[in-house]
């Protein structure tokens, strides 16, 4: 039997950062993401976001890569919205890329609170910029070494 305690704070955006996560689909979208995660033997500690992006605190078993988890969740959730929510008038899609941050056990409760309170953080300007600017290109260290 394998024992593991791996915690991740993941974030990704809707296609072109359009406000596609409407109030009408938000709860069903989040439930679908949790259901897909369960089927992958992952445990979602929290899911939350804004109309143009999502945050998830999740435990992913070591047999599944973070990239594979995100790819499967993105694919299943966009398919779900586009094929199972009557009256949804937009083409739902996720943007390429994501942010992935590892957490220690002592950081888990804070990460869960942050994710569950996304709307309040964005409304009051108390966002964590390191967790919100996840779709910016990360500088390549080789580029920095070649510049004086």
N, C-alpha and C. Protein backbone atom coordinates (compact mmCIF):
# COMPACT_ATOMS: atom_id res chain seq x y z
N UNK A 1 0.85 -1.19 0.00
CA UNK A 1 0.00 0.00 0.00
C UNK A 1 0.89 1.24 0.00
N UNK A 2 0.60 2.16 -0.87
CA UNK A 2 1.35 3.41 -0.95
C UNK A 2 0.71 4.46 -0.04
N UNK A 3 1.55 5.22 0.62
CA UNK A 3 1.09 6.33 1.45
C UNK A 3 1.64 7.61 0.83
N UNK A 4 0.77 8.59 0.63
CA UNK A 4 1.21 9.85 0.05
C UNK A 4 0.36 10.99 0.56
N UNK A 5 0.98 12.13 0.71
CA UNK A 5 0.29 13.38 1.06
C UNK A 5 0.88 14.46 0.16
N UNK A 6 0.25 14.66 -0.98
CA UNK A 6 0.70 15.62 -1.97
C UNK A 6 -0.42 16.63 -2.20
N UNK A 7 -0.11 17.88 -2.02
CA UNK A 7 -1.11 18.95 -2.15
C UNK A 7 -0.64 19.95 -3.20
N UNK A 8 -1.58 20.35 -4.06
CA UNK A 8 -1.26 21.30 -5.13
C UNK A 8 -2.33 22.38 -5.19
N UNK A 9 -1.88 23.59 -5.48
CA UNK A 9 -2.78 24.70 -5.80
C UNK A 9 -2.62 24.89 -7.30
N UNK A 10 -3.68 24.61 -8.04
CA UNK A 10 -3.67 24.71 -9.50
C UNK A 10 -4.58 25.85 -9.94
N UNK A 11 -4.22 26.47 -11.03
CA UNK A 11 -5.06 27.54 -11.58
C UNK A 11 -4.91 27.56 -13.09
N UNK A 12 -6.02 27.84 -13.77
CA UNK A 12 -5.97 28.04 -15.22
C UNK A 12 -7.14 28.91 -15.64
N UNK A 13 -7.02 29.44 -16.85
CA UNK A 13 -7.96 30.45 -17.34
C UNK A 13 -8.86 29.90 -18.44
N UNK A 14 -9.97 30.59 -18.62
CA UNK A 14 -10.84 30.31 -19.76
C UNK A 14 -10.16 30.82 -21.02
N UNK A 15 -10.59 30.31 -22.16
CA UNK A 15 -10.02 30.70 -23.44
C UNK A 15 -10.06 32.22 -23.60
N UNK A 16 -8.93 32.81 -23.90
CA UNK A 16 -8.78 34.26 -24.08
C UNK A 16 -9.21 35.07 -22.86
N UNK A 17 -9.29 34.40 -21.73
CA UNK A 17 -9.72 35.01 -20.47
C UNK A 17 -11.12 35.63 -20.58
N UNK A 18 -11.95 35.04 -21.46
CA UNK A 18 -13.33 35.48 -21.55
C UNK A 18 -14.09 35.05 -20.30
N UNK A 19 -15.10 35.80 -19.93
CA UNK A 19 -15.91 35.49 -18.75
C UNK A 19 -16.92 34.40 -19.10
N UNK A 20 -16.45 33.17 -19.17
CA UNK A 20 -17.29 32.05 -19.58
C UNK A 20 -17.92 31.31 -18.40
N UNK A 21 -17.37 31.50 -17.20
CA UNK A 21 -17.91 30.81 -16.03
C UNK A 21 -18.98 31.71 -15.42
N UNK A 22 -20.19 31.54 -15.92
CA UNK A 22 -21.30 32.38 -15.48
C UNK A 22 -21.89 31.80 -14.20
N UNK A 23 -22.69 32.63 -13.53
CA UNK A 23 -23.38 32.16 -12.32
C UNK A 23 -24.23 30.94 -12.61
N UNK A 24 -24.79 30.87 -13.81
CA UNK A 24 -25.68 29.77 -14.18
C UNK A 24 -24.95 28.42 -14.28
N UNK A 25 -23.67 28.43 -14.62
CA UNK A 25 -22.97 27.15 -14.79
C UNK A 25 -21.94 26.88 -13.71
N UNK A 26 -21.60 27.87 -12.91
CA UNK A 26 -20.48 27.73 -11.97
C UNK A 26 -20.61 26.48 -11.08
N UNK A 27 -21.71 26.33 -10.38
CA UNK A 27 -21.87 25.20 -9.45
C UNK A 27 -21.80 23.86 -10.17
N UNK A 28 -22.45 23.75 -11.31
CA UNK A 28 -22.43 22.49 -12.06
C UNK A 28 -21.03 22.19 -12.60
N UNK A 29 -20.33 23.23 -13.05
CA UNK A 29 -18.97 23.06 -13.54
C UNK A 29 -18.07 22.55 -12.41
N UNK A 30 -18.17 23.16 -11.25
CA UNK A 30 -17.34 22.75 -10.11
C UNK A 30 -17.67 21.32 -9.68
N UNK A 31 -18.93 20.97 -9.66
CA UNK A 31 -19.32 19.59 -9.31
C UNK A 31 -18.76 18.59 -10.31
N UNK A 32 -18.76 18.97 -11.58
CA UNK A 32 -18.23 18.09 -12.61
C UNK A 32 -16.72 17.91 -12.42
N UNK A 33 -16.02 18.99 -12.10
CA UNK A 33 -14.58 18.91 -11.87
C UNK A 33 -14.28 18.00 -10.68
N UNK A 34 -15.06 18.13 -9.63
CA UNK A 34 -14.88 17.26 -8.46
C UNK A 34 -15.16 15.80 -8.83
N UNK A 35 -16.21 15.57 -9.60
CA UNK A 35 -16.54 14.21 -10.02
C UNK A 35 -15.44 13.60 -10.88
N UNK A 36 -14.92 14.36 -11.82
CA UNK A 36 -13.83 13.86 -12.67
C UNK A 36 -12.60 13.58 -11.81
N UNK A 37 -12.32 14.47 -10.87
CA UNK A 37 -11.19 14.26 -9.97
C UNK A 37 -11.35 12.98 -9.16
N UNK A 38 -12.54 12.76 -8.65
CA UNK A 38 -12.82 11.52 -7.92
C UNK A 38 -12.54 10.29 -8.80
N UNK A 39 -12.95 10.35 -10.06
CA UNK A 39 -12.75 9.21 -10.95
C UNK A 39 -11.26 8.97 -11.24
N UNK A 40 -10.45 10.00 -11.06
CA UNK A 40 -8.99 9.88 -11.23
C UNK A 40 -8.29 9.56 -9.91
N UNK A 41 -9.08 9.31 -8.87
CA UNK A 41 -8.58 9.01 -7.52
C UNK A 41 -7.81 10.19 -6.92
N UNK A 42 -8.29 11.38 -7.25
CA UNK A 42 -7.74 12.62 -6.70
C UNK A 42 -8.75 13.19 -5.71
N UNK A 43 -8.26 13.95 -4.75
CA UNK A 43 -9.15 14.54 -3.76
C UNK A 43 -9.12 16.06 -3.89
N UNK A 44 -10.26 16.66 -4.23
CA UNK A 44 -10.37 18.11 -4.32
C UNK A 44 -10.67 18.65 -2.92
N UNK A 45 -9.79 19.51 -2.44
CA UNK A 45 -9.98 20.15 -1.13
C UNK A 45 -10.80 21.42 -1.29
N UNK A 46 -10.66 22.09 -2.43
CA UNK A 46 -11.42 23.33 -2.69
C UNK A 46 -11.38 23.63 -4.17
N UNK A 47 -12.46 24.22 -4.66
CA UNK A 47 -12.53 24.73 -6.02
C UNK A 47 -13.25 26.06 -5.97
N UNK A 48 -12.73 27.02 -6.69
CA UNK A 48 -13.34 28.35 -6.72
C UNK A 48 -12.70 29.16 -7.83
N UNK A 49 -13.25 30.32 -8.08
CA UNK A 49 -12.66 31.13 -9.13
C UNK A 49 -13.49 32.36 -9.45
N UNK A 50 -13.21 32.85 -10.61
CA UNK A 50 -13.85 34.04 -11.15
C UNK A 50 -14.44 33.67 -12.51
N UNK A 51 -15.16 34.57 -13.14
CA UNK A 51 -15.74 34.23 -14.45
C UNK A 51 -14.71 33.84 -15.52
N UNK A 52 -13.44 34.24 -15.32
CA UNK A 52 -12.44 33.97 -16.36
C UNK A 52 -11.30 33.05 -15.92
N UNK A 53 -11.35 32.50 -14.72
CA UNK A 53 -10.32 31.55 -14.30
C UNK A 53 -10.78 30.74 -13.10
N UNK A 54 -10.05 29.68 -12.83
CA UNK A 54 -10.41 28.75 -11.77
C UNK A 54 -9.18 28.40 -10.95
N UNK A 55 -9.40 28.13 -9.67
CA UNK A 55 -8.37 27.65 -8.76
C UNK A 55 -8.87 26.34 -8.15
N UNK A 56 -7.96 25.40 -7.98
CA UNK A 56 -8.29 24.13 -7.36
C UNK A 56 -7.17 23.77 -6.39
N UNK A 57 -7.53 23.38 -5.19
CA UNK A 57 -6.57 22.76 -4.27
C UNK A 57 -6.90 21.28 -4.30
N UNK A 58 -5.93 20.47 -4.68
CA UNK A 58 -6.18 19.06 -4.93
C UNK A 58 -4.99 18.21 -4.50
N UNK A 59 -5.29 17.00 -4.08
CA UNK A 59 -4.28 15.99 -3.84
C UNK A 59 -4.32 15.03 -5.03
N UNK A 60 -3.17 14.87 -5.67
CA UNK A 60 -3.05 14.01 -6.85
C UNK A 60 -2.10 12.87 -6.50
N UNK A 61 -2.51 11.63 -6.71
CA UNK A 61 -1.61 10.52 -6.37
C UNK A 61 -0.37 10.52 -7.27
N UNK A 62 0.74 10.01 -6.77
CA UNK A 62 1.98 10.05 -7.55
C UNK A 62 1.94 9.27 -8.85
N UNK A 63 0.98 8.37 -9.01
CA UNK A 63 0.87 7.62 -10.27
C UNK A 63 0.34 8.47 -11.42
N UNK A 64 -0.18 9.67 -11.12
CA UNK A 64 -0.76 10.55 -12.12
C UNK A 64 0.01 11.87 -12.14
N UNK A 65 0.48 12.27 -13.30
CA UNK A 65 1.20 13.54 -13.38
C UNK A 65 0.22 14.71 -13.25
N UNK A 66 0.75 15.83 -12.82
CA UNK A 66 -0.06 17.04 -12.71
C UNK A 66 -0.60 17.41 -14.08
N UNK A 67 0.25 17.36 -15.10
CA UNK A 67 -0.17 17.72 -16.46
C UNK A 67 -1.30 16.80 -16.95
N UNK A 68 -1.21 15.51 -16.66
CA UNK A 68 -2.26 14.58 -17.09
C UNK A 68 -3.57 14.87 -16.36
N UNK A 69 -3.47 15.14 -15.06
CA UNK A 69 -4.66 15.49 -14.29
C UNK A 69 -5.34 16.72 -14.90
N UNK A 70 -4.59 17.78 -15.11
CA UNK A 70 -5.16 19.02 -15.62
C UNK A 70 -5.75 18.82 -17.01
N UNK A 71 -5.04 18.11 -17.87
CA UNK A 71 -5.54 17.85 -19.22
C UNK A 71 -6.88 17.11 -19.18
N UNK A 72 -6.97 16.09 -18.34
CA UNK A 72 -8.22 15.33 -18.26
C UNK A 72 -9.36 16.14 -17.66
N UNK A 73 -9.05 16.93 -16.64
CA UNK A 73 -10.10 17.75 -16.02
C UNK A 73 -10.56 18.86 -16.97
N UNK A 74 -9.62 19.51 -17.64
CA UNK A 74 -10.00 20.54 -18.61
C UNK A 74 -10.87 19.95 -19.71
N UNK A 75 -10.44 18.83 -20.28
CA UNK A 75 -11.19 18.22 -21.37
C UNK A 75 -12.58 17.79 -20.96
N UNK A 76 -12.67 17.12 -19.82
CA UNK A 76 -13.98 16.63 -19.36
C UNK A 76 -14.91 17.77 -19.00
N UNK A 77 -14.37 18.81 -18.36
CA UNK A 77 -15.24 19.91 -17.92
C UNK A 77 -15.72 20.76 -19.10
N UNK A 78 -14.86 21.02 -20.08
CA UNK A 78 -15.33 21.79 -21.23
C UNK A 78 -16.35 20.99 -22.05
N UNK A 79 -16.11 19.70 -22.19
CA UNK A 79 -17.08 18.85 -22.89
C UNK A 79 -18.41 18.85 -22.14
N UNK A 80 -18.36 18.74 -20.82
CA UNK A 80 -19.57 18.74 -20.02
C UNK A 80 -20.39 20.01 -20.24
N UNK A 81 -19.73 21.16 -20.16
CA UNK A 81 -20.46 22.43 -20.31
C UNK A 81 -21.06 22.52 -21.71
N UNK A 82 -20.28 22.19 -22.72
CA UNK A 82 -20.75 22.35 -24.10
C UNK A 82 -21.83 21.35 -24.50
N UNK A 83 -21.92 20.21 -23.83
CA UNK A 83 -22.87 19.18 -24.24
C UNK A 83 -23.96 18.87 -23.23
N UNK A 84 -23.87 19.42 -22.02
CA UNK A 84 -24.83 19.02 -20.98
C UNK A 84 -25.53 20.17 -20.27
N UNK A 85 -25.25 21.39 -20.64
CA UNK A 85 -25.93 22.50 -19.98
C UNK A 85 -26.82 23.19 -21.01
N UNK A 86 -28.10 22.86 -20.99
CA UNK A 86 -29.03 23.46 -21.95
C UNK A 86 -29.08 24.98 -21.78
N UNK A 87 -29.12 25.67 -22.87
CA UNK A 87 -29.26 27.11 -22.82
C UNK A 87 -27.97 27.88 -22.69
N UNK A 88 -26.85 27.17 -22.48
CA UNK A 88 -25.57 27.87 -22.40
C UNK A 88 -25.22 28.33 -23.81
N UNK A 89 -25.12 29.62 -24.01
CA UNK A 89 -25.04 30.20 -25.35
C UNK A 89 -23.63 30.41 -25.87
N UNK A 90 -22.61 30.06 -25.08
CA UNK A 90 -21.23 30.32 -25.50
C UNK A 90 -20.53 29.01 -25.76
N UNK A 91 -19.44 29.07 -26.51
CA UNK A 91 -18.58 27.90 -26.69
C UNK A 91 -17.59 27.93 -25.54
N UNK A 92 -17.67 26.94 -24.65
CA UNK A 92 -16.81 26.91 -23.48
C UNK A 92 -15.49 26.24 -23.82
N UNK A 93 -14.40 26.87 -23.43
CA UNK A 93 -13.07 26.29 -23.65
C UNK A 93 -12.10 26.88 -22.62
N UNK A 94 -11.09 26.09 -22.31
CA UNK A 94 -10.02 26.55 -21.43
C UNK A 94 -8.83 27.00 -22.26
N UNK A 95 -8.10 27.94 -21.76
CA UNK A 95 -6.87 28.41 -22.38
C UNK A 95 -5.78 27.35 -22.17
N UNK A 96 -4.81 27.29 -23.06
CA UNK A 96 -3.66 26.43 -22.85
C UNK A 96 -2.89 26.91 -21.63
N UNK A 97 -2.20 26.01 -21.01
CA UNK A 97 -1.35 26.37 -19.88
C UNK A 97 -2.09 26.35 -18.56
N UNK A 98 -1.31 26.51 -17.50
CA UNK A 98 -1.83 26.48 -16.14
C UNK A 98 -0.74 26.90 -15.18
N UNK A 99 -1.13 27.16 -13.95
CA UNK A 99 -0.18 27.38 -12.87
C UNK A 99 -0.30 26.21 -11.92
N UNK A 100 0.82 25.72 -11.43
CA UNK A 100 0.83 24.61 -10.48
C UNK A 100 1.81 24.95 -9.36
N UNK A 101 1.32 24.91 -8.14
CA UNK A 101 2.12 25.27 -6.97
C UNK A 101 1.98 24.16 -5.95
N UNK A 102 3.10 23.65 -5.46
CA UNK A 102 3.03 22.60 -4.44
C UNK A 102 2.84 23.24 -3.08
N UNK A 103 2.19 22.50 -2.21
CA UNK A 103 1.89 22.99 -0.87
C UNK A 103 2.38 21.99 0.16
N UNK A 104 2.77 22.50 1.32
CA UNK A 104 3.02 21.64 2.47
C UNK A 104 1.73 21.50 3.25
N UNK A 105 1.68 20.51 4.10
CA UNK A 105 0.49 20.27 4.90
C UNK A 105 0.08 21.48 5.72
N UNK A 106 1.04 22.26 6.20
CA UNK A 106 0.72 23.44 7.01
C UNK A 106 0.12 24.57 6.17
N UNK A 107 0.30 24.53 4.86
CA UNK A 107 -0.23 25.56 3.96
C UNK A 107 -1.62 25.21 3.42
N UNK A 108 -2.05 23.99 3.65
CA UNK A 108 -3.29 23.51 3.05
C UNK A 108 -4.51 24.35 3.45
N UNK A 109 -4.71 24.60 4.74
CA UNK A 109 -5.89 25.36 5.18
C UNK A 109 -5.91 26.76 4.59
N UNK A 110 -4.77 27.42 4.53
CA UNK A 110 -4.71 28.77 3.95
C UNK A 110 -5.04 28.75 2.47
N UNK A 111 -4.54 27.75 1.76
CA UNK A 111 -4.82 27.64 0.32
C UNK A 111 -6.31 27.39 0.08
N UNK A 112 -6.90 26.53 0.90
CA UNK A 112 -8.34 26.25 0.77
C UNK A 112 -9.14 27.53 1.00
N UNK A 113 -8.81 28.28 2.04
CA UNK A 113 -9.52 29.54 2.30
C UNK A 113 -9.36 30.51 1.13
N UNK A 114 -8.16 30.62 0.60
CA UNK A 114 -7.91 31.53 -0.53
C UNK A 114 -8.79 31.14 -1.73
N UNK A 115 -8.84 29.87 -2.05
CA UNK A 115 -9.61 29.41 -3.21
C UNK A 115 -11.11 29.60 -2.99
N UNK A 116 -11.59 29.27 -1.82
CA UNK A 116 -13.03 29.39 -1.55
C UNK A 116 -13.49 30.85 -1.49
N UNK A 117 -12.55 31.76 -1.28
CA UNK A 117 -12.89 33.19 -1.17
C UNK A 117 -12.36 34.01 -2.35
N UNK A 118 -12.30 33.40 -3.51
CA UNK A 118 -11.78 34.08 -4.70
C UNK A 118 -12.52 35.39 -4.99
N UNK A 119 -13.83 35.35 -4.98
CA UNK A 119 -14.59 36.55 -5.34
C UNK A 119 -14.32 37.68 -4.35
N UNK A 120 -14.22 37.36 -3.07
CA UNK A 120 -13.92 38.39 -2.06
C UNK A 120 -12.52 38.95 -2.26
N UNK A 121 -11.54 38.09 -2.53
CA UNK A 121 -10.17 38.56 -2.74
C UNK A 121 -10.09 39.48 -3.96
N UNK A 122 -10.75 39.09 -5.04
CA UNK A 122 -10.72 39.93 -6.24
C UNK A 122 -11.48 41.23 -6.02
N UNK A 123 -12.57 41.16 -5.28
CA UNK A 123 -13.38 42.35 -5.02
C UNK A 123 -12.67 43.36 -4.13
N UNK A 124 -11.88 42.86 -3.19
CA UNK A 124 -11.21 43.77 -2.25
C UNK A 124 -9.76 44.05 -2.60
N UNK A 125 -9.27 43.44 -3.68
CA UNK A 125 -7.90 43.67 -4.10
C UNK A 125 -6.87 42.96 -3.23
N UNK A 126 -7.28 41.89 -2.56
CA UNK A 126 -6.35 41.15 -1.70
C UNK A 126 -5.88 39.85 -2.34
N UNK A 127 -5.75 39.87 -3.66
CA UNK A 127 -5.29 38.67 -4.35
C UNK A 127 -3.80 38.46 -4.10
N UNK A 128 -3.37 37.23 -4.25
CA UNK A 128 -1.95 36.90 -4.20
C UNK A 128 -1.45 36.90 -5.64
N UNK A 129 -0.64 37.89 -6.04
CA UNK A 129 -0.24 37.99 -7.45
C UNK A 129 0.52 36.77 -7.96
N UNK A 130 1.22 36.07 -7.08
CA UNK A 130 1.94 34.87 -7.51
C UNK A 130 0.98 33.75 -7.92
N UNK A 131 -0.21 33.75 -7.34
CA UNK A 131 -1.19 32.72 -7.65
C UNK A 131 -2.16 33.14 -8.74
N UNK A 132 -2.18 34.41 -9.07
CA UNK A 132 -3.14 34.92 -10.06
C UNK A 132 -2.52 35.16 -11.43
N UNK A 133 -1.23 35.34 -11.52
CA UNK A 133 -0.58 35.62 -12.80
C UNK A 133 0.00 34.35 -13.39
N UNK A 134 -0.76 33.27 -13.32
CA UNK A 134 -0.29 31.95 -13.71
C UNK A 134 -0.16 31.76 -15.20
N UNK A 135 -0.73 32.63 -16.02
CA UNK A 135 -0.63 32.43 -17.46
C UNK A 135 0.43 33.33 -18.11
N UNK A 136 1.22 33.99 -17.27
CA UNK A 136 2.34 34.75 -17.82
C UNK A 136 3.47 33.79 -18.13
N UNK A 137 4.24 34.11 -19.16
CA UNK A 137 5.36 33.26 -19.53
C UNK A 137 6.43 33.35 -18.45
N UNK A 138 6.89 32.20 -18.00
CA UNK A 138 7.97 32.15 -17.01
C UNK A 138 9.28 32.38 -17.75
N UNK A 139 10.11 33.32 -17.28
CA UNK A 139 11.37 33.57 -17.97
C UNK A 139 12.26 32.33 -17.96
N UNK A 140 12.92 32.09 -19.05
CA UNK A 140 13.86 30.98 -19.15
C UNK A 140 15.17 31.42 -18.51
N UNK A 141 15.68 30.67 -17.53
CA UNK A 141 16.94 31.06 -16.87
C UNK A 141 18.10 31.20 -17.84
N UNK A 142 18.08 30.46 -18.95
CA UNK A 142 19.15 30.56 -19.96
C UNK A 142 19.15 31.96 -20.58
N UNK A 143 17.95 32.55 -20.75
CA UNK A 143 17.88 33.90 -21.31
C UNK A 143 18.51 34.92 -20.37
N UNK A 144 18.28 34.79 -19.08
CA UNK A 144 18.84 35.72 -18.11
C UNK A 144 20.36 35.60 -18.06
N UNK A 145 20.88 34.39 -18.24
CA UNK A 145 22.33 34.17 -18.18
C UNK A 145 23.04 34.80 -19.37
N UNK A 146 22.33 34.95 -20.48
CA UNK A 146 22.98 35.48 -21.68
C UNK A 146 22.97 37.00 -21.73
N UNK A 147 22.26 37.63 -20.81
CA UNK A 147 22.20 39.10 -20.79
C UNK A 147 23.07 39.62 -19.66
N UNK A 148 23.84 40.68 -19.92
CA UNK A 148 24.71 41.23 -18.86
C UNK A 148 23.92 41.89 -17.76
